[in-house]
C-alpha cells in the first residue's frame, strides 16, 4: 500500500501532510499519470530539488563504501538489463523506503514498499526510462532523486525519495517485520544478488 503526501504551496519541506486521516495507508493510485501529468510532476520535482537536497529530511547519509556498492551493483545489472539498473537500491524518504530489486524477467523490477509498521510488495515494468508499477504508480529519476508519481482523487501528485543505498537480503532484514510482503517477493522472479547471466 502506498502512502501519498502532498506539499502545500508556500510551506516548504515541512509542508508535507499525509493525505487522509492519520497514518493508515491510502489505497493504490487510481490510474497511471498521463505523459503530460508526468512531465508536469517531474518539473515540480526539479523545482523542489534544491530545497530537498539541503533539508533535514533528505541528507545523503551514505558512506563512500555504500555509494560504491550501489554503483557496482547497478553496473553489473546494466550489463544484462540496462533499463532497470538506474532504479536499483533502497530509496529513502521521510519515514518510508522503497527497496527496488532486479528481476529475472527482463525490464521488470520487484518493489518492497516499507512504511513504519506496514509493508507492501508489487512489481514494475521499465518503459521509456520510467517504471510503471502494478499499483498504478510511475517512478521517474532525476539524479539521486526518485519521484513517485500517482493519481489520488483524480489529482496528480509526486512524492520524492533520494540517495539509493545498497540492497540486502530482504528475508533476513525485513522478513520478521513484514512476512506477507516478503512471501510475495519470494514468490516472484526477484533477484537479490549479482546477475548470473554475465
Protein backbone atom coordinates (compact mmCIF):
# COMPACT_ATOMS: atom_id res chain seq x y z
CA UNK A 1 0.00 0.00 0.00
CA UNK A 2 1.28 3.43 -0.82
CA UNK A 3 1.27 6.50 1.36
CA UNK A 4 0.82 9.69 -0.59
CA UNK A 5 1.99 13.03 0.68
CA UNK A 6 1.02 16.43 -0.56
CA UNK A 7 3.17 19.52 -0.33
CA UNK A 8 1.08 22.54 0.48
CA UNK A 9 2.10 25.64 -1.50
CA UNK A 10 4.37 28.04 0.33
CA UNK A 11 5.03 25.83 3.34
CA UNK A 12 8.42 24.50 2.31
CA UNK A 13 9.62 21.00 3.08
CA UNK A 14 7.74 20.91 6.38
CA UNK A 15 4.51 21.41 4.47
CA UNK A 16 4.19 17.71 3.68
CA UNK A 17 0.94 16.34 5.05
CA UNK A 18 -0.39 12.85 4.78
CA UNK A 19 -3.49 12.78 2.62
CA UNK A 20 -6.34 11.28 4.57
CA UNK A 21 -6.84 10.91 8.29
CA UNK A 22 -3.99 9.68 10.47
CA UNK A 23 -1.23 7.37 9.33
CA UNK A 24 -3.11 4.49 7.68
CA UNK A 25 -2.09 3.79 4.12
CA UNK A 26 -4.20 5.09 1.30
CA UNK A 27 -5.32 2.72 -1.44
CA UNK A 28 -3.29 2.45 -4.59
CA UNK A 29 -3.15 5.18 -7.19
CA UNK A 30 -6.36 5.41 -9.24
CA UNK A 31 -4.51 5.22 -12.56
CA UNK A 32 -1.10 5.89 -14.03
CA UNK A 33 -0.39 9.59 -14.53
CA UNK A 34 -0.56 10.55 -18.20
CA UNK A 35 2.56 11.63 -20.08
CA UNK A 36 1.56 15.29 -19.69
CA UNK A 37 0.94 14.82 -15.95
CA UNK A 38 4.29 13.05 -15.59
CA UNK A 39 6.08 15.94 -17.30
CA UNK A 40 4.35 18.45 -15.02
CA UNK A 41 5.18 16.41 -11.92
CA UNK A 42 8.81 15.99 -12.96
CA UNK A 43 9.05 19.77 -13.37
CA UNK A 44 7.62 20.22 -9.86
CA UNK A 45 10.20 17.77 -8.52
CA UNK A 46 13.04 19.62 -10.27
CA UNK A 47 11.89 22.88 -8.71
CA UNK A 48 11.89 21.23 -5.26
CA UNK A 49 15.30 19.55 -5.59
CA UNK A 50 17.42 22.43 -4.24
CA UNK A 51 15.25 22.61 -1.11
CA UNK A 52 15.07 18.84 -0.74
CA UNK A 53 18.85 18.43 -1.11
CA UNK A 54 19.51 20.85 1.75
CA UNK A 55 16.62 19.85 4.01
CA UNK A 56 16.95 17.92 7.25
CA UNK A 57 14.71 15.19 5.79
CA UNK A 58 16.82 14.25 2.77
CA UNK A 59 20.50 14.31 3.71
CA UNK A 60 22.86 11.95 1.92
CA UNK A 61 23.99 9.79 4.84
CA UNK A 62 25.63 7.13 2.68
CA UNK A 63 29.26 6.28 3.24
CA UNK A 64 31.67 6.17 0.31
CA UNK A 65 31.59 2.38 0.55
CA UNK A 66 27.78 2.34 0.30
CA UNK A 67 27.87 4.60 -2.76
CA UNK A 68 30.44 2.33 -4.36
CA UNK A 69 28.36 -0.81 -3.62
CA UNK A 70 25.23 0.74 -5.18
CA UNK A 71 27.17 1.88 -8.25
CA UNK A 72 28.82 -1.51 -8.76
CA UNK A 73 25.53 -3.39 -8.30
CA UNK A 74 23.86 -1.14 -10.89
CA UNK A 75 26.84 -1.52 -13.24
CA UNK A 76 26.67 -5.32 -13.03
CA UNK A 77 22.93 -5.36 -13.76
CA UNK A 78 23.34 -2.80 -16.56
CA UNK A 79 25.35 -5.43 -18.44
CA UNK A 80 22.31 -7.73 -18.64
CA UNK A 81 19.30 -5.42 -18.10
CA UNK A 82 20.28 -1.77 -18.61
CA UNK A 83 16.71 -0.47 -18.31
CA UNK A 84 16.34 -1.47 -14.65
CA UNK A 85 19.88 -0.67 -13.45
CA UNK A 86 19.39 3.04 -12.58
CA UNK A 87 16.46 2.21 -10.28
CA UNK A 88 18.12 -0.44 -8.13
CA UNK A 89 18.68 0.28 -4.44
CA UNK A 90 16.93 1.26 -1.24
CA UNK A 91 15.42 4.69 -1.87
CA UNK A 92 14.70 6.64 1.31
CA UNK A 93 12.07 9.28 2.10
CA UNK A 94 10.93 10.89 5.35
CA UNK A 95 9.53 7.74 7.03
CA UNK A 96 9.40 5.34 4.12
CA UNK A 97 11.74 3.26 1.99
CA UNK A 98 11.34 1.73 -1.45
CA UNK A 99 13.55 -1.30 -1.98
CA UNK A 100 13.84 -1.79 -5.74
CA UNK A 101 15.33 -5.14 -6.73
CA UNK A 102 16.05 -6.60 -10.17
CA UNK A 103 14.04 -9.50 -11.56
CA UNK A 104 14.96 -12.46 -13.68
CA UNK A 105 12.28 -11.13 -16.06
CA UNK A 106 13.96 -8.53 -18.30
CA UNK A 107 12.69 -4.98 -17.84
CA UNK A 108 10.92 -5.83 -14.59
CA UNK A 109 11.72 -4.71 -11.04
CA UNK A 110 10.50 -6.01 -7.69
CA UNK A 111 9.49 -3.37 -5.15
CA UNK A 112 9.17 -3.61 -1.39
CA UNK A 113 7.37 -0.51 -0.08
CA UNK A 114 8.05 -0.17 3.65
CA UNK A 115 6.41 2.43 5.86
CA UNK A 116 6.70 2.18 9.67
CA UNK A 117 4.76 -0.99 10.57
CA UNK A 118 3.37 -1.58 7.05
CA UNK A 119 4.95 -3.35 4.13
CA UNK A 120 3.75 -3.99 0.60
CA UNK A 121 5.14 -5.76 -2.45
CA UNK A 122 4.47 -5.02 -6.11
CA UNK A 123 6.31 -5.12 -9.41
CA UNK A 124 7.03 -2.62 -12.14
CA UNK A 125 7.97 -2.59 -15.80
CA UNK A 126 10.50 -0.14 -17.18
CA UNK A 127 9.14 1.57 -20.27
CA UNK A 128 10.76 4.59 -21.93
CA UNK A 129 13.00 5.15 -18.91
CA UNK A 130 10.20 5.10 -16.31
CA UNK A 131 8.88 2.38 -14.01
CA UNK A 132 5.15 1.64 -14.38
CA UNK A 133 4.02 -0.36 -11.36
CA UNK A 134 1.17 -2.79 -10.90
CA UNK A 135 -0.25 -0.31 -8.35
CA UNK A 136 -0.58 2.50 -10.96
CA UNK A 137 2.47 4.44 -9.79
CA UNK A 138 5.09 5.77 -12.19
CA UNK A 139 8.65 6.27 -10.91
CA UNK A 140 10.80 8.99 -12.50
CA UNK A 141 14.53 9.56 -11.96
CA UNK A 142 16.34 12.86 -11.58
CA UNK A 143 19.93 12.32 -10.48
CA UNK A 144 19.94 10.97 -6.93
CA UNK A 145 16.19 11.55 -6.53
CA UNK A 146 13.32 9.25 -7.41
CA UNK A 147 9.87 10.70 -7.97
CA UNK A 148 6.89 8.51 -7.10
CA UNK A 149 4.01 9.88 -9.19
CA UNK A 150 0.39 8.96 -8.59
CA UNK A 151 -3.25 9.99 -9.03
CA UNK A 152 -5.42 10.48 -5.94
CA UNK A 153 -8.97 11.83 -6.17
CA UNK A 154 -8.22 12.49 -9.85
CA UNK A 155 -5.35 14.84 -8.92
CA UNK A 156 -1.73 14.10 -9.86
CA UNK A 157 0.88 14.11 -7.12
CA UNK A 158 4.51 13.27 -6.53
CA UNK A 159 6.49 12.10 -3.53
CA UNK A 160 10.28 12.13 -3.57
CA UNK A 161 12.82 9.54 -2.42
CA UNK A 162 16.57 10.04 -2.50
CA UNK A 163 20.07 8.59 -2.43
CA UNK A 164 19.81 4.85 -3.11
CA UNK A 165 21.51 2.61 -0.57
CA UNK A 166 22.79 -0.96 -1.01
CA UNK A 167 20.20 -3.72 -1.14
CA UNK A 168 20.36 -6.51 1.42
CA UNK A 169 18.62 -9.88 1.57
CA UNK A 170 15.05 -8.83 2.42
CA UNK A 171 14.19 -12.13 4.11
CA UNK A 172 17.00 -11.55 6.61
CA UNK A 173 16.49 -7.83 7.19
CA UNK A 174 12.71 -7.42 6.82
CA UNK A 175 11.17 -10.88 6.98
CA UNK A 176 10.34 -10.84 10.69
CA UNK A 177 8.53 -7.50 10.38
CA UNK A 178 6.77 -7.80 7.01
CA UNK A 179 6.21 -11.54 6.40
CA UNK A 180 3.40 -11.14 3.85
CA UNK A 181 5.39 -8.70 1.70
CA UNK A 182 8.49 -10.92 1.84
CA UNK A 183 6.45 -14.01 0.97
CA UNK A 184 5.06 -12.20 -2.10
CA UNK A 185 8.59 -11.08 -3.01
CA UNK A 186 9.91 -14.63 -2.78
CA UNK A 187 7.04 -15.97 -4.91
CA UNK A 188 8.10 -13.79 -7.85
CA UNK A 189 11.20 -13.85 -10.05
CA UNK A 190 13.03 -11.37 -7.83
CA UNK A 191 16.82 -11.29 -7.60
CA UNK A 192 18.86 -10.20 -4.59
CA UNK A 193 22.39 -10.65 -5.83
CA UNK A 194 24.57 -10.05 -8.84
CA UNK A 195 23.25 -11.35 -12.17
CA UNK A 196 24.24 -14.87 -13.11
CA UNK A 197 23.84 -14.07 -16.80
CA UNK A 198 27.12 -12.12 -17.13
